[in-house]
PDB file of N, CA and C in Angstrom:
ATOM      1  N   UNK A   1      36.069   7.502 -39.861  1.00  0.00           N
ATOM      2  CA  UNK A   1      35.883   6.118 -39.485  1.00  0.00           C
ATOM      3  C   UNK A   1      36.212   5.217 -40.669  1.00  0.00           C
ATOM      4  N   UNK A   2      37.227   5.534 -41.378  1.00  0.00           N
ATOM      5  CA  UNK A   2      37.620   4.738 -42.529  1.00  0.00           C
ATOM      6  C   UNK A   2      38.483   3.578 -42.068  1.00  0.00           C
ATOM      7  N   UNK A   3      38.113   2.388 -42.497  1.00  0.00           N
ATOM      8  CA  UNK A   3      38.877   1.196 -42.130  1.00  0.00           C
ATOM      9  C   UNK A   3      39.475   0.611 -43.398  1.00  0.00           C
ATOM     10  N   UNK A   4      40.697   0.283 -43.329  1.00  0.00           N
ATOM     11  CA  UNK A   4      41.376  -0.287 -44.495  1.00  0.00           C
ATOM     12  C   UNK A   4      41.399  -1.812 -44.386  1.00  0.00           C
ATOM     13  N   UNK A   5      41.466  -2.449 -45.546  1.00  0.00           N
ATOM     14  CA  UNK A   5      41.547  -3.912 -45.632  1.00  0.00           C
ATOM     15  C   UNK A   5      40.347  -4.611 -45.001  1.00  0.00           C
ATOM     16  N   UNK A   6      39.170  -4.006 -45.109  1.00  0.00           N
ATOM     17  CA  UNK A   6      37.950  -4.633 -44.624  1.00  0.00           C
ATOM     18  C   UNK A   6      37.348  -5.401 -45.797  1.00  0.00           C
ATOM     19  N   UNK A   7      37.016  -6.677 -45.596  1.00  0.00           N
ATOM     20  CA  UNK A   7      36.452  -7.465 -46.697  1.00  0.00           C
ATOM     21  C   UNK A   7      35.140  -6.872 -47.205  1.00  0.00           C
ATOM     22  N   UNK A   8      34.897  -7.065 -48.483  1.00  0.00           N
ATOM     23  CA  UNK A   8      33.690  -6.534 -49.108  1.00  0.00           C
ATOM     24  C   UNK A   8      32.439  -7.072 -48.430  1.00  0.00           C
ATOM     25  N   UNK A   9      32.443  -8.358 -48.054  1.00  0.00           N
ATOM     26  CA  UNK A   9      31.267  -8.975 -47.442  1.00  0.00           C
ATOM     27  C   UNK A   9      30.877  -8.265 -46.148  1.00  0.00           C
ATOM     28  N   UNK A  10      31.876  -7.855 -45.390  1.00  0.00           N
ATOM     29  CA  UNK A  10      31.609  -7.164 -44.125  1.00  0.00           C
ATOM     30  C   UNK A  10      30.973  -5.803 -44.395  1.00  0.00           C
ATOM     31  N   UNK A  11      31.524  -5.094 -45.360  1.00  0.00           N
ATOM     32  CA  UNK A  11      30.980  -3.776 -45.713  1.00  0.00           C
ATOM     33  C   UNK A  11      29.564  -3.913 -46.249  1.00  0.00           C
ATOM     34  N   UNK A  12      29.344  -4.921 -47.095  1.00  0.00           N
ATOM     35  CA  UNK A  12      28.020  -5.141 -47.683  1.00  0.00           C
ATOM     36  C   UNK A  12      27.004  -5.498 -46.602  1.00  0.00           C
ATOM     37  N   UNK A  13      27.381  -6.379 -45.661  1.00  0.00           N
ATOM     38  CA  UNK A  13      26.487  -6.753 -44.573  1.00  0.00           C
ATOM     39  C   UNK A  13      26.130  -5.540 -43.719  1.00  0.00           C
ATOM     40  N   UNK A  14      27.118  -4.692 -43.468  1.00  0.00           N
ATOM     41  CA  UNK A  14      26.896  -3.476 -42.692  1.00  0.00           C
ATOM     42  C   UNK A  14      25.904  -2.559 -43.410  1.00  0.00           C
ATOM     43  N   UNK A  15      26.072  -2.433 -44.725  1.00  0.00           N
ATOM     44  CA  UNK A  15      25.178  -1.600 -45.527  1.00  0.00           C
ATOM     45  C   UNK A  15      23.749  -2.138 -45.481  1.00  0.00           C
ATOM     46  N   UNK A  16      23.593  -3.454 -45.678  1.00  0.00           N
ATOM     47  CA  UNK A  16      22.267  -4.074 -45.661  1.00  0.00           C
ATOM     48  C   UNK A  16      21.601  -3.858 -44.306  1.00  0.00           C
ATOM     49  N   UNK A  17      22.359  -4.002 -43.227  1.00  0.00           N
ATOM     50  CA  UNK A  17      21.808  -3.798 -41.887  1.00  0.00           C
ATOM     51  C   UNK A  17      21.320  -2.365 -41.713  1.00  0.00           C
ATOM     52  N   UNK A  18      22.104  -1.395 -42.188  1.00  0.00           N
ATOM     53  CA  UNK A  18      21.708   0.014 -42.072  1.00  0.00           C
ATOM     54  C   UNK A  18      20.441   0.298 -42.875  1.00  0.00           C
ATOM     55  N   UNK A  19      20.333  -0.295 -44.062  1.00  0.00           N
ATOM     56  CA  UNK A  19      19.138  -0.100 -44.890  1.00  0.00           C
ATOM     57  C   UNK A  19      17.921  -0.680 -44.183  1.00  0.00           C
ATOM     58  N   UNK A  20      18.057  -1.861 -43.597  1.00  0.00           N
ATOM     59  CA  UNK A  20      16.935  -2.481 -42.903  1.00  0.00           C
ATOM     60  C   UNK A  20      16.524  -1.671 -41.678  1.00  0.00           C
ATOM     61  N   UNK A  21      17.491  -1.190 -40.926  1.00  0.00           N
ATOM     62  CA  UNK A  21      17.175  -0.419 -39.726  1.00  0.00           C
ATOM     63  C   UNK A  21      16.525   0.915 -40.059  1.00  0.00           C
ATOM     64  N   UNK A  22      16.911   1.518 -41.175  1.00  0.00           N
ATOM     65  CA  UNK A  22      16.345   2.813 -41.532  1.00  0.00           C
ATOM     66  C   UNK A  22      14.924   2.682 -42.072  1.00  0.00           C
ATOM     67  N   UNK A  23      14.559   1.500 -42.578  1.00  0.00           N
ATOM     68  CA  UNK A  23      13.210   1.283 -43.084  1.00  0.00           C
ATOM     69  C   UNK A  23      12.987   1.823 -44.480  1.00  0.00           C
ATOM     70  N   UNK A  24      14.034   2.159 -45.190  1.00  0.00           N
ATOM     71  CA  UNK A  24      13.904   2.717 -46.535  1.00  0.00           C
ATOM     72  C   UNK A  24      13.256   1.713 -47.476  1.00  0.00           C
ATOM     73  N   UNK A  25      13.725   0.474 -47.427  1.00  0.00           N
ATOM     74  CA  UNK A  25      13.243  -0.537 -48.359  1.00  0.00           C
ATOM     75  C   UNK A  25      11.780  -0.882 -48.100  1.00  0.00           C
ATOM     76  N   UNK A  26      11.390  -1.046 -46.840  1.00  0.00           N
ATOM     77  CA  UNK A  26      10.001  -1.370 -46.534  1.00  0.00           C
ATOM     78  C   UNK A  26       9.084  -0.222 -46.925  1.00  0.00           C
ATOM     79  N   UNK A  27       9.544   1.001 -46.728  1.00  0.00           N
ATOM     80  CA  UNK A  27       8.752   2.165 -47.115  1.00  0.00           C
ATOM     81  C   UNK A  27       8.573   2.211 -48.630  1.00  0.00           C
ATOM     82  N   UNK A  28       9.620   1.912 -49.375  1.00  0.00           N
ATOM     83  CA  UNK A  28       9.543   1.913 -50.834  1.00  0.00           C
ATOM     84  C   UNK A  28       8.588   0.835 -51.325  1.00  0.00           C
ATOM     85  N   UNK A  29       8.598  -0.324 -50.681  1.00  0.00           N
ATOM     86  CA  UNK A  29       7.700  -1.405 -51.081  1.00  0.00           C
ATOM     87  C   UNK A  29       6.244  -1.022 -50.818  1.00  0.00           C
ATOM     88  N   UNK A  30       5.994  -0.314 -49.711  1.00  0.00           N
ATOM     89  CA  UNK A  30       4.629   0.102 -49.399  1.00  0.00           C
ATOM     90  C   UNK A  30       4.120   1.122 -50.412  1.00  0.00           C
ATOM     91  N   UNK A  31       5.004   1.999 -50.882  1.00  0.00           N
ATOM     92  CA  UNK A  31       4.597   3.067 -51.789  1.00  0.00           C
ATOM     93  C   UNK A  31       4.697   2.669 -53.252  1.00  0.00           C
ATOM     94  N   UNK A  32       4.958   1.398 -53.517  1.00  0.00           N
ATOM     95  CA  UNK A  32       5.126   0.948 -54.900  1.00  0.00           C
ATOM     96  C   UNK A  32       3.840   1.136 -55.700  1.00  0.00           C
ATOM     97  N   UNK A  33       2.698   0.880 -55.077  1.00  0.00           N
ATOM     98  CA  UNK A  33       1.413   1.010 -55.752  1.00  0.00           C
ATOM     99  C   UNK A  33       0.603   2.103 -55.068  1.00  0.00           C
ATOM    100  N   UNK A  34      -0.210   2.790 -55.849  1.00  0.00           N
ATOM    101  CA  UNK A  34      -1.044   3.859 -55.304  1.00  0.00           C
ATOM    102  C   UNK A  34      -2.090   3.257 -54.372  1.00  0.00           C
ATOM    103  N   UNK A  35      -2.242   3.885 -53.238  1.00  0.00           N
ATOM    104  CA  UNK A  35      -3.186   3.406 -52.241  1.00  0.00           C
ATOM    105  C   UNK A  35      -4.383   4.354 -52.192  1.00  0.00           C
ATOM    106  N   UNK A  36      -5.563   3.797 -52.004  1.00  0.00           N
ATOM    107  CA  UNK A  36      -6.762   4.631 -51.944  1.00  0.00           C
ATOM    108  C   UNK A  36      -6.751   5.478 -50.675  1.00  0.00           C
ATOM    109  N   UNK A  37      -7.374   6.635 -50.745  1.00  0.00           N
ATOM    110  CA  UNK A  37      -7.335   7.614 -49.653  1.00  0.00           C
ATOM    111  C   UNK A  37      -7.852   7.060 -48.324  1.00  0.00           C
ATOM    112  N   UNK A  38      -8.989   6.338 -48.285  1.00  0.00           N
ATOM    113  CA  UNK A  38      -9.435   5.828 -46.977  1.00  0.00           C
ATOM    114  C   UNK A  38      -8.391   4.928 -46.306  1.00  0.00           C
ATOM    115  N   UNK A  39      -7.722   4.106 -47.097  1.00  0.00           N
ATOM    116  CA  UNK A  39      -6.696   3.230 -46.524  1.00  0.00           C
ATOM    117  C   UNK A  39      -5.534   4.044 -45.978  1.00  0.00           C
ATOM    118  N   UNK A  40      -5.129   5.067 -46.714  1.00  0.00           N
ATOM    119  CA  UNK A  40      -4.030   5.916 -46.257  1.00  0.00           C
ATOM    120  C   UNK A  40      -4.408   6.612 -44.961  1.00  0.00           C
ATOM    121  N   UNK A  41      -5.646   7.114 -44.910  1.00  0.00           N
ATOM    122  CA  UNK A  41      -6.109   7.818 -43.715  1.00  0.00           C
ATOM    123  C   UNK A  41      -6.138   6.875 -42.514  1.00  0.00           C
ATOM    124  N   UNK A  42      -6.667   5.664 -42.708  1.00  0.00           N
ATOM    125  CA  UNK A  42      -6.734   4.705 -41.607  1.00  0.00           C
ATOM    126  C   UNK A  42      -5.342   4.298 -41.131  1.00  0.00           C
ATOM    127  N   UNK A  43      -4.431   4.109 -42.068  1.00  0.00           N
ATOM    128  CA  UNK A  43      -3.068   3.724 -41.702  1.00  0.00           C
ATOM    129  C   UNK A  43      -2.386   4.849 -40.928  1.00  0.00           C
ATOM    130  N   UNK A  44      -2.624   6.087 -41.371  1.00  0.00           N
ATOM    131  CA  UNK A  44      -2.032   7.239 -40.693  1.00  0.00           C
ATOM    132  C   UNK A  44      -2.593   7.368 -39.275  1.00  0.00           C
ATOM    133  N   UNK A  45      -3.922   7.218 -39.129  1.00  0.00           N
ATOM    134  CA  UNK A  45      -4.536   7.311 -37.806  1.00  0.00           C
ATOM    135  C   UNK A  45      -4.022   6.206 -36.885  1.00  0.00           C
ATOM    136  N   UNK A  46      -3.878   5.019 -37.445  1.00  0.00           N
ATOM    137  CA  UNK A  46      -3.359   3.902 -36.665  1.00  0.00           C
ATOM    138  C   UNK A  46      -1.935   4.186 -36.199  1.00  0.00           C
ATOM    139  N   UNK A  47      -1.121   4.760 -37.070  1.00  0.00           N
ATOM    140  CA  UNK A  47       0.260   5.092 -36.710  1.00  0.00           C
ATOM    141  C   UNK A  47       0.287   6.146 -35.610  1.00  0.00           C
ATOM    142  N   UNK A  48      -0.605   7.125 -35.684  1.00  0.00           N
ATOM    143  CA  UNK A  48      -0.659   8.163 -34.653  1.00  0.00           C
ATOM    144  C   UNK A  48      -1.073   7.581 -33.302  1.00  0.00           C
ATOM    145  N   UNK A  49      -2.054   6.665 -33.321  1.00  0.00           N
ATOM    146  CA  UNK A  49      -2.468   6.017 -32.073  1.00  0.00           C
ATOM    147  C   UNK A  49      -1.329   5.190 -31.486  1.00  0.00           C
ATOM    148  N   UNK A  50      -0.634   4.458 -32.350  1.00  0.00           N
ATOM    149  CA  UNK A  50       0.487   3.630 -31.904  1.00  0.00           C
ATOM    150  C   UNK A  50       1.582   4.501 -31.289  1.00  0.00           C
ATOM    151  N   UNK A  51       1.870   5.630 -31.937  1.00  0.00           N
ATOM    152  CA  UNK A  51       2.892   6.546 -31.427  1.00  0.00           C
ATOM    153  C   UNK A  51       2.477   7.125 -30.077  1.00  0.00           C
ATOM    154  N   UNK A  52       1.194   7.467 -29.935  1.00  0.00           N
ATOM    155  CA  UNK A  52       0.706   8.013 -28.669  1.00  0.00           C
ATOM    156  C   UNK A  52       0.831   6.975 -27.552  1.00  0.00           C
ATOM    157  N   UNK A  53       0.496   5.711 -27.859  1.00  0.00           N
ATOM    158  CA  UNK A  53       0.634   4.645 -26.867  1.00  0.00           C
ATOM    159  C   UNK A  53       2.083   4.481 -26.435  1.00  0.00           C
ATOM    160  N   UNK A  54       2.998   4.557 -27.395  1.00  0.00           N
ATOM    161  CA  UNK A  54       4.415   4.403 -27.069  1.00  0.00           C
ATOM    162  C   UNK A  54       4.900   5.548 -26.193  1.00  0.00           C
ATOM    163  N   UNK A  55       4.418   6.770 -26.466  1.00  0.00           N
ATOM    164  CA  UNK A  55       4.816   7.915 -25.643  1.00  0.00           C
ATOM    165  C   UNK A  55       4.313   7.757 -24.215  1.00  0.00           C
ATOM    166  N   UNK A  56       3.078   7.283 -24.075  1.00  0.00           N
ATOM    167  CA  UNK A  56       2.523   7.067 -22.737  1.00  0.00           C
ATOM    168  C   UNK A  56       3.316   5.980 -22.018  1.00  0.00           C
ATOM    169  N   UNK A  57       3.630   4.914 -22.750  1.00  0.00           N
ATOM    170  CA  UNK A  57       4.365   3.800 -22.161  1.00  0.00           C
ATOM    171  C   UNK A  57       5.748   4.239 -21.688  1.00  0.00           C
ATOM    172  N   UNK A  58       6.389   5.108 -22.471  1.00  0.00           N
ATOM    173  CA  UNK A  58       7.726   5.589 -22.123  1.00  0.00           C
ATOM    174  C   UNK A  58       7.684   6.698 -21.080  1.00  0.00           C
ATOM    175  N   UNK A  59       6.523   7.334 -20.908  1.00  0.00           N
ATOM    176  CA  UNK A  59       6.388   8.381 -19.910  1.00  0.00           C
ATOM    177  C   UNK A  59       6.802   9.757 -20.390  1.00  0.00           C
ATOM    178  N   UNK A  60       6.710  10.023 -21.670  1.00  0.00           N
ATOM    179  CA  UNK A  60       7.085  11.342 -22.197  1.00  0.00           C
ATOM    180  C   UNK A  60       5.959  12.317 -22.030  1.00  0.00           C
TER     181      UNK A  60
END
């Protein structure tokens, strides 16, 4: 999928969009500082509940 003569701005915008969609940057910002164990546990439990709700909503 190599495209020739594509402006740098287009390639850069595409890269930024991919980084945002993958969530790499937001994940790095969250892990920048050490988090206490209770907070990590609560966040993990909340994520599991959210995922379970989404599965039920989608019918999986």
